[in-house]
Amino acid sequence: MSDSATQSIDTSWETLFSALDYDEGNQQARWSEEVERRLKENGLTYQAHTSKHHQNRQGQLDVVPYLMNESTFEHLARGLSQRMRFFEALLNDIYGERHLLADGSVPADLLFSNPEYLIEAHGLNPQTPWVSFLAHDLVRDSSGQWFVLGQSTRAPAGLGYVLERRLIMSRVMGYLLRRMSVKRLSGFFRTLRQFLRADSRDQDLSILLTPGQSVESYFEHAFLANHLDFTLAEGDDLTVRGNRLMLKTLSGLRPVSGVLRRVTDQDIDPLELNGFSRQGTPGLMDAVRRGGVRMANVPGSGVIDSPLWMGRLEGLCQKLLGEDLILKTLPALWLGDPDEREEFESLWPDVLVRHASAFPAGESFVVRDLPDAERQVLKARIDADRPSWVAWQAIALETVPVAEGTARGEAHAVLRMYTAQSQDQKVDVMPGGLASCNHDASWAQLRPNTPERYKDLWVMGMEPDNQLSMFAEMDAPTLGPVDQSMTPSRVADAM
């Protein structure tokens, strides 16, 4: 980091701490209480059902944000944009000509032991990019070097929470965001909306496809759909007619041109995929295949979410793009490779291990922390199915300040940042995101989606951000009766 950049970030921290420490730290405590109150109000507004997740979500936002200067963000943005191009090329090969499989660059065991690999997507040849929207988990070690921990294509979780938390922070600490020239997020959401609406005709809709109220993240789905001006829909609300996706409403069928998907790949279409799924819509895969609907992301793209790729991405990027990865992936061992397995044996038990499936997070272990009996059971599981496991040594992560009453402590952070394809095939990187904080560095690396608390990521520009809110582009609200004809017929039946 340059001297000017270091000076800039130091000045920003001084400005922030000066505000938090006002009135002997009581300002920090008051803001924390106000943030918690607003989170609770949002939960009461959007919470459609009760779950432990919803009951415990109120205290998850730290009033001390994660600060990042513009030069650091630009470096990360270049690396994340490159990864979007790389993953698109990788998916085109995996589900197309399979040159990487033929020449051994991708071992067959690595690909076919990946539970996210979708054989039905082979030859799909979608009319839109495989990955138009991606979440990236990043860590910085104690020396300041950045690593990518993983990525998520499953209409990446957390985007609604990013929006919710930034809105809350802007209401509680708005003058600080303006004073510190924090970049706004509206441009990213505008890019996402425009991409999904690129093929829209006059009466076409864009929807957020949710599994329904049974999932813990339903709050986020409802919140995000509301603020993107998308219709929140479930699989039973939809039907496919003539390769077009339709929403069943009280006024008849309405065409859908864009889908932001929160349903897993396997569950998207019970006709071609999981026949027992009630979350998808029969014929949806064929609609995607024939270009009848834009979807973020295309079913099958979830194969890159698996941690099995962690130790292979550097070489594959060089092979596909002829470029070195700007942002390195956290070094990991794939236990299906004999040489890497031998190294793993020499490191045991001082390793972190994860199963091939990107989900659930429970299939991940800090081996050293396990009792001897559980450690032996885990080792037997690994030996019985080695191609389905990866392992790595925990790295020393940076520490960041966290609010603790009127004082501050320290924790380790994992950043979640987002990229989206624009209509002109460029990549837009959100100048913000979430930081997941945990006092244990090993668990921070293994389970970044289950932190002790979250932080809002503030990217600070050199001058104030004059970007207009995306909400100004939406139709202005009008007084009068609500148009009930757009209500999905399933919802009306339930009423």
Protein backbone atom coordinates (compact mmCIF):
# COMPACT_ATOMS: atom_id res chain seq x y z
CA MET A 1 0.00 0.00 0.00
CA SER A 2 1.37 3.45 -0.93
CA ASP A 3 2.19 6.06 1.72
CA SER A 4 -0.69 8.29 0.55
CA ALA A 5 -3.14 5.37 0.71
CA THR A 6 -1.91 4.45 4.21
CA GLN A 7 -2.26 8.06 5.33
CA SER A 8 -5.77 8.21 3.85
CA ILE A 9 -6.99 5.08 5.67
CA ASP A 10 -5.39 6.25 8.93
CA THR A 11 -7.19 9.59 8.64
CA SER A 12 -10.47 7.79 8.02
CA TRP A 13 -10.05 5.64 11.12
CA GLU A 14 -9.30 8.77 13.17
CA THR A 15 -12.49 10.42 11.88
CA LEU A 16 -14.54 7.32 12.68
CA PHE A 17 -13.10 6.76 16.15
CA SER A 18 -13.49 10.43 17.02
CA ALA A 19 -17.22 10.17 16.31
CA LEU A 20 -17.62 6.84 18.14
CA ASP A 21 -15.68 8.03 21.20
CA TYR A 22 -17.77 11.18 21.65
CA ASP A 23 -19.20 11.50 25.16
CA GLU A 24 -16.67 8.99 26.54
CA GLY A 25 -17.77 6.26 24.15
CA ASN A 26 -21.47 6.60 24.91
CA GLN A 27 -22.11 7.65 21.31
CA GLN A 28 -20.88 4.23 20.17
CA ALA A 29 -23.20 2.53 22.66
CA ARG A 30 -26.17 4.69 21.61
CA TRP A 31 -25.59 3.95 17.93
CA SER A 32 -25.32 0.23 18.71
CA GLU A 33 -28.69 0.33 20.46
CA GLU A 34 -30.25 2.25 17.57
CA VAL A 35 -28.89 -0.22 14.99
CA GLU A 36 -30.25 -3.14 17.02
CA ARG A 37 -33.65 -1.46 17.29
CA ARG A 38 -33.87 -0.89 13.53
CA LEU A 39 -32.83 -4.47 12.78
CA LYS A 40 -35.55 -5.69 15.11
CA GLU A 41 -38.14 -3.46 13.40
CA ASN A 42 -37.16 -4.83 10.00
CA GLY A 43 -37.48 -8.36 11.33
CA LEU A 44 -40.99 -7.66 12.61
CA THR A 45 -41.95 -6.14 9.26
CA TYR A 46 -40.62 -8.86 6.96
CA GLN A 47 -40.61 -11.91 9.23
CA ALA A 48 -43.21 -14.27 7.78
CA HIS A 49 -42.49 -17.06 10.24
CA THR A 50 -40.56 -17.63 13.44
CA SER A 51 -37.19 -19.35 13.47
CA LYS A 52 -34.06 -19.25 15.57
CA HIS A 53 -32.34 -17.44 12.71
CA HIS A 54 -34.86 -14.61 12.77
CA GLN A 55 -34.98 -14.42 16.54
CA ASN A 56 -31.20 -13.98 16.80
CA ARG A 57 -30.55 -11.72 13.82
CA GLN A 58 -31.05 -8.37 15.59
CA GLY A 59 -27.60 -8.02 17.17
CA GLN A 60 -25.54 -9.02 14.17
CA LEU A 61 -24.48 -5.58 12.87
CA ASP A 62 -21.40 -3.87 14.33
CA VAL A 63 -21.43 -0.06 14.34
CA VAL A 64 -17.69 -0.11 13.58
CA PRO A 65 -17.61 -0.63 9.79
CA TYR A 66 -14.84 -2.30 7.79
CA LEU A 67 -12.94 0.55 6.10
CA MET A 68 -11.28 0.18 2.68
CA ASN A 69 -9.60 2.87 0.60
CA GLU A 70 -10.19 3.31 -3.12
CA SER A 71 -6.83 1.92 -4.26
CA THR A 72 -7.37 -1.35 -2.35
CA PHE A 73 -10.87 -1.64 -3.78
CA GLU A 74 -9.61 -1.09 -7.33
CA HIS A 75 -7.04 -3.87 -6.87
CA LEU A 76 -9.70 -6.26 -5.58
CA ALA A 77 -12.11 -5.21 -8.34
CA ARG A 78 -9.57 -6.09 -11.03
CA GLY A 79 -9.03 -9.50 -9.47
CA LEU A 80 -12.73 -10.25 -9.02
CA SER A 81 -13.55 -9.12 -12.57
CA GLN A 82 -10.88 -11.48 -13.88
CA ARG A 83 -12.42 -14.31 -11.86
CA MET A 84 -15.81 -13.69 -13.48
CA ARG A 85 -14.21 -14.10 -16.92
CA PHE A 86 -12.31 -17.17 -15.77
CA PHE A 87 -15.33 -18.94 -14.27
CA GLU A 88 -17.34 -18.28 -17.43
CA ALA A 89 -14.61 -19.94 -19.51
CA LEU A 90 -14.36 -22.83 -17.02
CA LEU A 91 -18.10 -23.50 -17.09
CA ASN A 92 -18.21 -23.31 -20.89
CA ASP A 93 -15.55 -26.03 -21.01
CA ILE A 94 -16.98 -28.25 -18.25
CA TYR A 95 -20.45 -28.30 -19.81
CA GLY A 96 -19.21 -28.06 -23.39
CA GLU A 97 -16.19 -29.58 -25.13
CA ARG A 98 -14.55 -30.78 -21.88
CA HIS A 99 -11.00 -30.16 -23.11
CA LEU A 100 -9.79 -29.76 -19.52
CA LEU A 101 -11.20 -33.16 -18.64
CA ALA A 102 -9.69 -34.79 -21.72
CA ASP A 103 -6.15 -33.50 -21.12
CA GLY A 104 -6.23 -34.22 -17.37
CA SER A 105 -6.17 -30.60 -16.22
CA VAL A 106 -9.39 -31.37 -14.37
CA PRO A 107 -9.21 -34.91 -12.90
CA ALA A 108 -12.36 -36.93 -13.52
CA ASP A 109 -12.64 -37.76 -9.80
CA LEU A 110 -12.55 -34.07 -8.92
CA LEU A 111 -15.38 -33.20 -11.29
CA PHE A 112 -17.65 -36.21 -10.84
CA SER A 113 -17.29 -36.36 -7.04
CA ASN A 114 -18.51 -32.76 -6.93
CA PRO A 115 -22.13 -32.95 -5.71
CA GLU A 116 -22.86 -29.61 -7.39
CA TYR A 117 -21.97 -30.96 -10.85
CA LEU A 118 -25.15 -31.12 -12.95
CA ILE A 119 -24.88 -33.72 -15.72
CA GLU A 120 -28.19 -32.47 -17.17
CA ALA A 121 -26.55 -29.11 -17.90
CA HIS A 122 -24.02 -30.65 -20.31
CA GLY A 123 -24.63 -29.12 -23.72
CA LEU A 124 -27.09 -26.60 -22.26
CA ASN A 125 -25.40 -23.73 -24.16
CA PRO A 126 -27.39 -20.95 -22.46
CA GLN A 127 -28.15 -17.76 -24.40
CA THR A 128 -26.88 -15.66 -21.46
CA PRO A 129 -23.69 -15.99 -19.37
CA TRP A 130 -23.47 -18.98 -17.03
CA VAL A 131 -22.54 -16.63 -14.21
CA SER A 132 -24.04 -13.15 -14.27
CA PHE A 133 -23.90 -12.61 -10.53
CA LEU A 134 -21.31 -13.92 -8.06
CA ALA A 135 -20.36 -13.58 -4.41
CA HIS A 136 -16.70 -13.87 -3.37
CA ASP A 137 -15.35 -14.52 0.14
CA LEU A 138 -11.96 -12.88 0.73
CA VAL A 139 -9.49 -12.83 3.59
CA ARG A 140 -6.37 -10.79 4.25
CA ASP A 141 -3.54 -12.35 6.21
CA SER A 142 -1.54 -10.64 8.91
CA SER A 143 1.05 -9.48 6.35
CA GLY A 144 -1.60 -7.72 4.23
CA GLN A 145 -1.87 -10.25 1.37
CA TRP A 146 -5.34 -10.97 0.00
CA PHE A 147 -6.69 -14.47 -0.69
CA VAL A 148 -10.01 -15.70 -2.07
CA LEU A 149 -11.57 -18.26 0.23
CA GLY A 150 -14.40 -19.27 -2.09
CA GLN A 151 -17.31 -18.12 -4.22
CA SER A 152 -21.06 -18.65 -4.40
CA THR A 153 -23.27 -18.70 -7.48
CA ARG A 154 -26.56 -19.63 -5.79
CA ALA A 155 -28.10 -16.17 -6.32
CA PRO A 156 -25.51 -15.35 -3.73
CA ALA A 157 -26.77 -15.17 -0.20
CA GLY A 158 -26.27 -11.97 1.73
CA LEU A 159 -27.13 -9.39 -0.94
CA GLY A 160 -30.38 -8.45 0.77
CA TYR A 161 -28.55 -8.14 4.08
CA VAL A 162 -25.94 -5.87 2.45
CA LEU A 163 -28.74 -3.56 1.34
CA GLU A 164 -30.56 -3.72 4.66
CA ARG A 165 -27.46 -2.99 6.72
CA ARG A 166 -26.30 -0.11 4.52
CA LEU A 167 -29.75 1.50 4.73
CA ILE A 168 -29.64 1.20 8.52
CA MET A 169 -26.09 2.56 8.78
CA SER A 170 -26.99 5.50 6.52
CA ARG A 171 -29.92 6.37 8.78
CA VAL A 172 -28.00 6.03 12.03
CA MET A 173 -24.57 7.36 10.94
CA GLY A 174 -25.43 9.13 7.68
CA TYR A 175 -23.31 12.22 8.22
CA LEU A 176 -20.22 10.01 8.68
CA LEU A 177 -20.80 8.24 5.34
CA ARG A 178 -21.00 11.63 3.63
CA ARG A 179 -18.02 13.09 5.49
CA MET A 180 -15.85 10.05 4.68
CA SER A 181 -16.99 9.97 1.01
CA VAL A 182 -18.25 6.39 1.28
CA LYS A 183 -19.23 5.02 -2.13
CA ARG A 184 -22.88 4.21 -2.70
CA LEU A 185 -24.17 0.79 -3.70
CA SER A 186 -26.97 1.93 -6.01
CA GLY A 187 -24.94 1.52 -9.22
CA PHE A 188 -24.44 -2.18 -8.57
CA PHE A 189 -28.12 -2.88 -7.95
CA ARG A 190 -28.95 -0.84 -11.05
CA THR A 191 -26.59 -3.06 -13.10
CA LEU A 192 -28.24 -6.21 -11.76
CA ARG A 193 -31.76 -4.94 -12.47
CA GLN A 194 -30.87 -3.79 -15.98
CA PHE A 195 -29.20 -7.10 -16.84
CA LEU A 196 -32.21 -9.15 -15.79
CA ARG A 197 -34.56 -6.76 -17.61
CA ALA A 198 -32.52 -6.56 -20.81
CA ASP A 199 -34.99 -8.74 -22.74
CA SER A 200 -38.11 -7.29 -21.15
CA ARG A 201 -41.12 -6.26 -23.19
CA ASP A 202 -43.83 -3.87 -22.00
CA GLN A 203 -45.70 -6.29 -19.72
CA ASP A 204 -42.78 -8.53 -18.73
CA LEU A 205 -41.90 -9.06 -15.08
CA SER A 206 -38.68 -9.74 -13.20
CA ILE A 207 -38.98 -12.07 -10.23
CA LEU A 208 -36.98 -13.31 -7.27
CA LEU A 209 -37.52 -17.08 -7.15
CA THR A 210 -37.57 -18.25 -3.52
CA PRO A 211 -37.97 -21.73 -2.01
CA GLY A 212 -40.58 -20.18 0.28
CA GLN A 213 -41.06 -19.46 3.95
CA SER A 214 -39.47 -22.72 5.07
CA VAL A 215 -35.92 -21.39 4.57
CA GLU A 216 -34.15 -19.22 7.13
CA SER A 217 -33.15 -16.62 4.53
CA TYR A 218 -36.75 -15.88 3.50
CA PHE A 219 -36.48 -12.49 5.23
CA GLU A 220 -33.64 -11.57 2.90
CA HIS A 221 -35.57 -12.74 -0.18
CA ALA A 222 -38.57 -10.59 0.74
CA PHE A 223 -36.45 -7.55 1.62
CA LEU A 224 -34.38 -7.74 -1.58
CA ALA A 225 -37.35 -8.35 -3.87
CA ASN A 226 -39.15 -5.36 -2.37
CA HIS A 227 -36.23 -2.99 -2.88
CA LEU A 228 -35.39 -4.25 -6.39
CA ASP A 229 -39.06 -3.91 -7.37
CA PHE A 230 -39.13 -7.62 -8.30
CA THR A 231 -42.06 -9.96 -7.70
CA LEU A 232 -41.35 -12.53 -4.97
CA ALA A 233 -42.45 -15.88 -6.41
CA GLU A 234 -42.29 -19.58 -5.62
CA GLY A 235 -42.10 -22.46 -8.07
CA ASP A 236 -45.84 -23.16 -7.87
CA ASP A 237 -46.53 -19.55 -8.90
CA LEU A 238 -44.93 -20.18 -12.30
CA THR A 239 -45.57 -22.17 -15.44
CA VAL A 240 -43.80 -22.53 -18.79
CA ARG A 241 -45.79 -21.94 -21.98
CA GLY A 242 -44.14 -21.99 -25.40
CA ASN A 243 -40.64 -21.73 -23.86
CA ARG A 244 -41.70 -18.57 -21.98
CA LEU A 245 -41.85 -18.46 -18.19
CA MET A 246 -45.18 -17.16 -16.89
CA LEU A 247 -46.40 -15.91 -13.50
CA LYS A 248 -49.88 -17.11 -12.59
CA THR A 249 -51.80 -14.06 -11.32
CA LEU A 250 -55.44 -13.21 -10.60
CA SER A 251 -55.57 -11.41 -13.95
CA GLY A 252 -54.11 -14.34 -15.89
CA LEU A 253 -50.62 -15.34 -17.03
CA ARG A 254 -47.93 -12.63 -17.07
CA PRO A 255 -44.62 -13.22 -18.92
CA VAL A 256 -41.40 -13.29 -16.89
CA SER A 257 -38.18 -12.24 -18.63
CA GLY A 258 -35.72 -12.18 -15.70
CA VAL A 259 -35.20 -14.47 -12.70
CA LEU A 260 -32.99 -13.83 -9.69
CA ARG A 261 -32.77 -17.36 -8.33
CA ARG A 262 -32.57 -18.49 -4.70
CA VAL A 263 -33.54 -22.10 -5.47
CA THR A 264 -30.72 -24.67 -5.77
CA ASP A 265 -29.65 -26.06 -9.14
CA GLN A 266 -31.08 -29.52 -8.47
CA ASP A 267 -34.48 -28.17 -7.43
CA ILE A 268 -35.06 -25.70 -10.25
CA ASP A 269 -36.96 -28.07 -12.58
CA PRO A 270 -38.69 -31.27 -11.32
CA LEU A 271 -39.20 -32.39 -14.92
CA GLU A 272 -35.49 -32.64 -15.79
CA LEU A 273 -33.81 -32.67 -12.37
CA ASN A 274 -35.10 -33.55 -8.90
CA GLY A 275 -38.54 -35.01 -9.52
CA PHE A 276 -39.49 -34.68 -5.85
CA SER A 277 -38.83 -30.93 -5.70
CA ARG A 278 -41.72 -28.53 -5.11
CA GLN A 279 -39.46 -25.49 -5.27
CA GLY A 280 -38.97 -25.34 -9.04
CA THR A 281 -41.10 -25.20 -12.17
CA PRO A 282 -41.46 -27.98 -14.79
CA GLY A 283 -39.91 -26.96 -18.11
CA LEU A 284 -37.79 -24.14 -16.67
CA MET A 285 -34.50 -25.73 -17.80
CA ASP A 286 -35.77 -25.87 -21.38
CA ALA A 287 -36.86 -22.22 -21.20
CA VAL A 288 -33.31 -21.30 -20.15
CA ARG A 289 -31.88 -23.53 -22.89
CA ARG A 290 -33.98 -21.80 -25.57
CA GLY A 291 -33.33 -18.27 -24.32
CA GLY A 292 -36.89 -17.78 -23.09
CA VAL A 293 -35.76 -16.28 -19.78
CA ARG A 294 -32.66 -14.63 -18.28
CA MET A 295 -31.55 -16.27 -15.06
CA ALA A 296 -28.96 -15.33 -12.48
CA ASN A 297 -27.40 -17.82 -12.39
CA VAL A 298 -27.83 -20.60 -14.98
CA PRO A 299 -28.47 -24.04 -13.40
CA GLY A 300 -25.21 -26.01 -13.33
CA SER A 301 -23.05 -23.02 -12.42
CA GLY A 302 -23.06 -24.18 -8.78
CA VAL A 303 -20.29 -26.65 -9.63
CA ILE A 304 -17.73 -23.87 -9.04
CA ASP A 305 -18.99 -23.28 -5.48
CA SER A 306 -17.36 -26.47 -4.23
CA PRO A 307 -14.11 -26.14 -2.25
CA LEU A 308 -12.61 -28.95 -4.38
CA TRP A 309 -11.36 -26.31 -6.85
CA MET A 310 -9.34 -24.37 -4.27
CA GLY A 311 -5.95 -25.83 -5.19
CA ARG A 312 -6.59 -26.00 -8.96
CA LEU A 313 -7.72 -22.54 -10.00
CA GLU A 314 -4.29 -20.98 -10.57
CA GLY A 315 -3.26 -23.49 -13.24
CA LEU A 316 -6.68 -23.57 -14.88
CA CYS A 317 -6.77 -19.77 -15.21
CA GLN A 318 -3.39 -19.81 -16.94
CA LYS A 319 -4.63 -22.53 -19.29
CA LEU A 320 -7.98 -20.91 -20.14
CA LEU A 321 -7.12 -17.19 -20.13
CA GLY A 322 -3.34 -17.22 -20.43
CA GLU A 323 -3.21 -15.07 -17.28
CA ASP A 324 -2.08 -15.48 -13.70
CA LEU A 325 -4.82 -14.99 -11.13
CA ILE A 326 -4.58 -11.48 -9.71
CA LEU A 327 -6.11 -12.68 -6.44
CA LYS A 328 -4.74 -16.01 -5.27
CA THR A 329 -6.97 -18.70 -3.84
CA LEU A 330 -6.22 -19.88 -0.33
CA PRO A 331 -3.79 -22.83 -0.84
CA ALA A 332 -5.55 -26.15 -0.28
CA LEU A 333 -4.92 -29.85 -0.82
CA TRP A 334 -7.33 -32.04 -2.80
CA LEU A 335 -7.18 -35.45 -1.16
CA GLY A 336 -7.99 -37.28 -4.38
CA ASP A 337 -4.45 -36.56 -5.56
CA PRO A 338 -1.84 -39.03 -4.16
CA ASP A 339 0.91 -36.41 -3.76
CA GLU A 340 -1.38 -33.94 -2.03
CA ARG A 341 -2.79 -36.70 0.15
CA GLU A 342 0.73 -37.57 1.29
CA GLU A 343 1.30 -33.95 2.30
CA PHE A 344 -2.04 -33.99 4.12
CA GLU A 345 -0.98 -37.05 6.13
CA SER A 346 2.18 -35.26 7.22
CA LEU A 347 0.17 -32.25 8.44
CA TRP A 348 -2.57 -34.17 10.28
CA PRO A 349 -4.08 -33.13 12.69
CA ASP A 350 -2.99 -29.49 12.23
CA VAL A 351 -5.37 -28.90 9.32
CA LEU A 352 -8.81 -27.60 8.47
CA VAL A 353 -10.92 -29.96 6.34
CA ARG A 354 -14.07 -29.47 4.27
CA HIS A 355 -16.30 -31.82 2.35
CA ALA A 356 -16.80 -31.37 -1.41
CA SER A 357 -20.26 -29.93 -1.00
CA ALA A 358 -20.33 -26.19 -0.64
CA PHE A 359 -23.28 -26.71 1.69
CA PRO A 360 -23.92 -27.37 4.50
CA ALA A 361 -21.19 -25.55 6.40
CA GLY A 362 -21.40 -28.26 9.06
CA GLU A 363 -19.26 -30.54 6.90
CA SER A 364 -16.12 -28.63 7.92
CA PHE A 365 -13.80 -29.26 10.83
CA VAL A 366 -10.90 -27.82 12.80
CA VAL A 367 -9.24 -31.20 13.28
CA ARG A 368 -7.01 -30.18 16.19
CA ASP A 369 -10.09 -29.10 18.22
CA LEU A 370 -11.84 -32.48 17.92
CA PRO A 371 -11.73 -35.08 20.72
CA ASP A 372 -9.58 -38.11 19.83
CA ALA A 373 -12.57 -40.38 19.18
CA GLU A 374 -14.24 -37.89 16.82
CA ARG A 375 -10.92 -37.27 15.11
CA GLN A 376 -10.57 -40.98 14.36
CA VAL A 377 -14.13 -41.17 13.00
CA LEU A 378 -13.45 -38.19 10.73
CA LYS A 379 -10.19 -39.73 9.48
CA ALA A 380 -12.04 -42.94 8.61
CA ARG A 381 -14.66 -40.95 6.68
CA ILE A 382 -11.95 -39.14 4.74
CA ASP A 383 -10.06 -42.35 3.93
CA ALA A 384 -13.27 -43.95 2.65
CA ASP A 385 -13.99 -41.12 0.20
CA ARG A 386 -10.78 -39.13 -0.35
CA PRO A 387 -11.78 -37.35 -3.62
CA SER A 388 -14.60 -35.61 -1.75
CA TRP A 389 -12.39 -33.74 0.72
CA VAL A 390 -10.01 -30.78 0.77
CA ALA A 391 -7.68 -29.63 3.55
CA TRP A 392 -5.50 -26.65 4.31
CA GLN A 393 -3.56 -25.09 7.13
CA ALA A 394 -5.16 -22.11 8.81
CA ILE A 395 -3.47 -18.83 7.99
CA ALA A 396 -3.01 -15.93 10.39
CA LEU A 397 -5.78 -13.46 9.56
CA GLU A 398 -5.79 -9.71 10.04
CA THR A 399 -7.64 -8.34 13.05
CA VAL A 400 -10.18 -5.53 12.90
CA PRO A 401 -11.73 -3.39 15.65
CA VAL A 402 -15.21 -4.32 16.91
CA ALA A 403 -17.56 -2.43 19.20
CA GLU A 404 -17.92 -3.76 22.75
CA GLY A 405 -20.18 -1.44 24.73
CA THR A 406 -18.33 1.85 25.12
CA ALA A 407 -14.98 0.21 24.31
CA ARG A 408 -13.55 -1.78 21.40
CA GLY A 409 -12.07 -5.24 20.99
CA GLU A 410 -10.63 -7.18 18.05
CA ALA A 411 -11.85 -9.99 15.79
CA HIS A 412 -10.92 -11.65 12.50
CA ALA A 413 -12.81 -10.70 9.33
CA VAL A 414 -13.86 -12.41 6.10
CA LEU A 415 -15.21 -10.10 3.39
CA ARG A 416 -18.10 -10.99 1.12
CA MET A 417 -18.03 -8.92 -2.09
CA TYR A 418 -20.23 -9.13 -5.18
CA THR A 419 -19.80 -8.93 -8.95
CA ALA A 420 -22.44 -8.67 -11.68
CA GLN A 421 -22.46 -8.75 -15.47
CA SER A 422 -23.62 -5.56 -17.17
CA GLN A 423 -25.60 -5.43 -20.41
CA ASP A 424 -22.42 -4.61 -22.38
CA GLN A 425 -20.67 -7.74 -21.00
CA LYS A 426 -18.51 -5.77 -18.56
CA VAL A 427 -18.20 -6.68 -14.89
CA ASP A 428 -19.47 -4.37 -12.17
CA VAL A 429 -18.00 -4.84 -8.68
CA MET A 430 -20.05 -3.62 -5.74
CA PRO A 431 -18.10 -0.93 -3.80
CA GLY A 432 -19.24 -2.44 -0.53
CA GLY A 433 -20.38 -5.71 1.00
CA LEU A 434 -20.30 -7.47 4.35
CA ALA A 435 -17.48 -8.41 6.70
CA SER A 436 -18.12 -11.55 8.78
CA CYS A 437 -16.29 -11.38 12.11
CA ASN A 438 -15.21 -14.17 14.42
CA HIS A 439 -12.76 -14.26 17.32
CA ASP A 440 -11.45 -17.66 16.16
CA ALA A 441 -9.39 -17.38 12.95
CA SER A 442 -9.86 -21.05 12.04
CA TRP A 443 -13.65 -20.92 12.24
CA ALA A 444 -13.65 -17.61 10.37
CA GLN A 445 -11.99 -19.41 7.44
CA LEU A 446 -14.15 -22.55 7.65
CA ARG A 447 -17.59 -21.05 8.19
CA PRO A 448 -17.65 -17.42 7.05
CA ASN A 449 -21.45 -17.53 6.72
CA THR A 450 -21.99 -18.18 10.44
CA PRO A 451 -20.14 -15.30 12.12
CA GLU A 452 -20.46 -13.80 15.56
CA ARG A 453 -21.30 -10.44 13.98
CA TYR A 454 -21.34 -8.59 10.65
CA LYS A 455 -19.84 -5.30 9.54
CA ASP A 456 -20.84 -2.98 6.73
CA LEU A 457 -17.98 -2.57 4.23
CA TRP A 458 -17.25 1.11 3.53
CA VAL A 459 -15.22 1.86 0.40
CA MET A 460 -14.04 5.46 0.62
CA GLY A 461 -13.55 7.59 -2.48
CA MET A 462 -11.35 10.62 -2.96
CA GLU A 463 -14.43 12.84 -3.30
CA PRO A 464 -18.15 12.62 -2.44
CA ASP A 465 -20.17 10.07 -4.42
CA ASN A 466 -22.89 11.86 -6.38
CA GLN A 467 -24.48 8.68 -7.69
CA LEU A 468 -28.29 8.80 -7.70
CA SER A 469 -30.26 6.26 -5.74
CA MET A 470 -31.58 3.43 -7.89
CA PHE A 471 -34.97 3.94 -6.29
CA ALA A 472 -35.31 7.26 -8.14
CA GLU A 473 -35.46 5.26 -11.39
CA MET A 474 -38.40 3.14 -10.27
CA ASP A 475 -41.99 4.16 -10.83
CA ALA A 476 -43.01 6.84 -8.37
CA PRO A 477 -45.55 5.65 -5.81
CA THR A 478 -49.11 6.73 -6.53
CA LEU A 479 -52.02 7.26 -4.19
CA GLY A 480 -55.04 5.05 -4.65
CA PRO A 481 -56.04 1.41 -4.41
CA VAL A 482 -53.37 -1.27 -4.80
CA ASP A 483 -53.61 -3.34 -8.01
CA GLN A 484 -54.56 -6.74 -6.62
CA SER A 485 -54.59 -8.30 -10.10
CA MET A 486 -50.82 -8.86 -9.88
CA THR A 487 -51.19 -11.05 -6.79
CA PRO A 488 -50.00 -14.61 -7.54
CA SER A 489 -53.03 -16.89 -7.64
CA ARG A 490 -51.42 -19.26 -5.10
CA VAL A 491 -51.31 -16.41 -2.57
CA ALA A 492 -54.94 -15.53 -3.27
CA ASP A 493 -55.95 -19.16 -2.76
CA ALA A 494 -54.22 -19.17 0.62
CA MET A 495 -56.13 -16.04 1.61
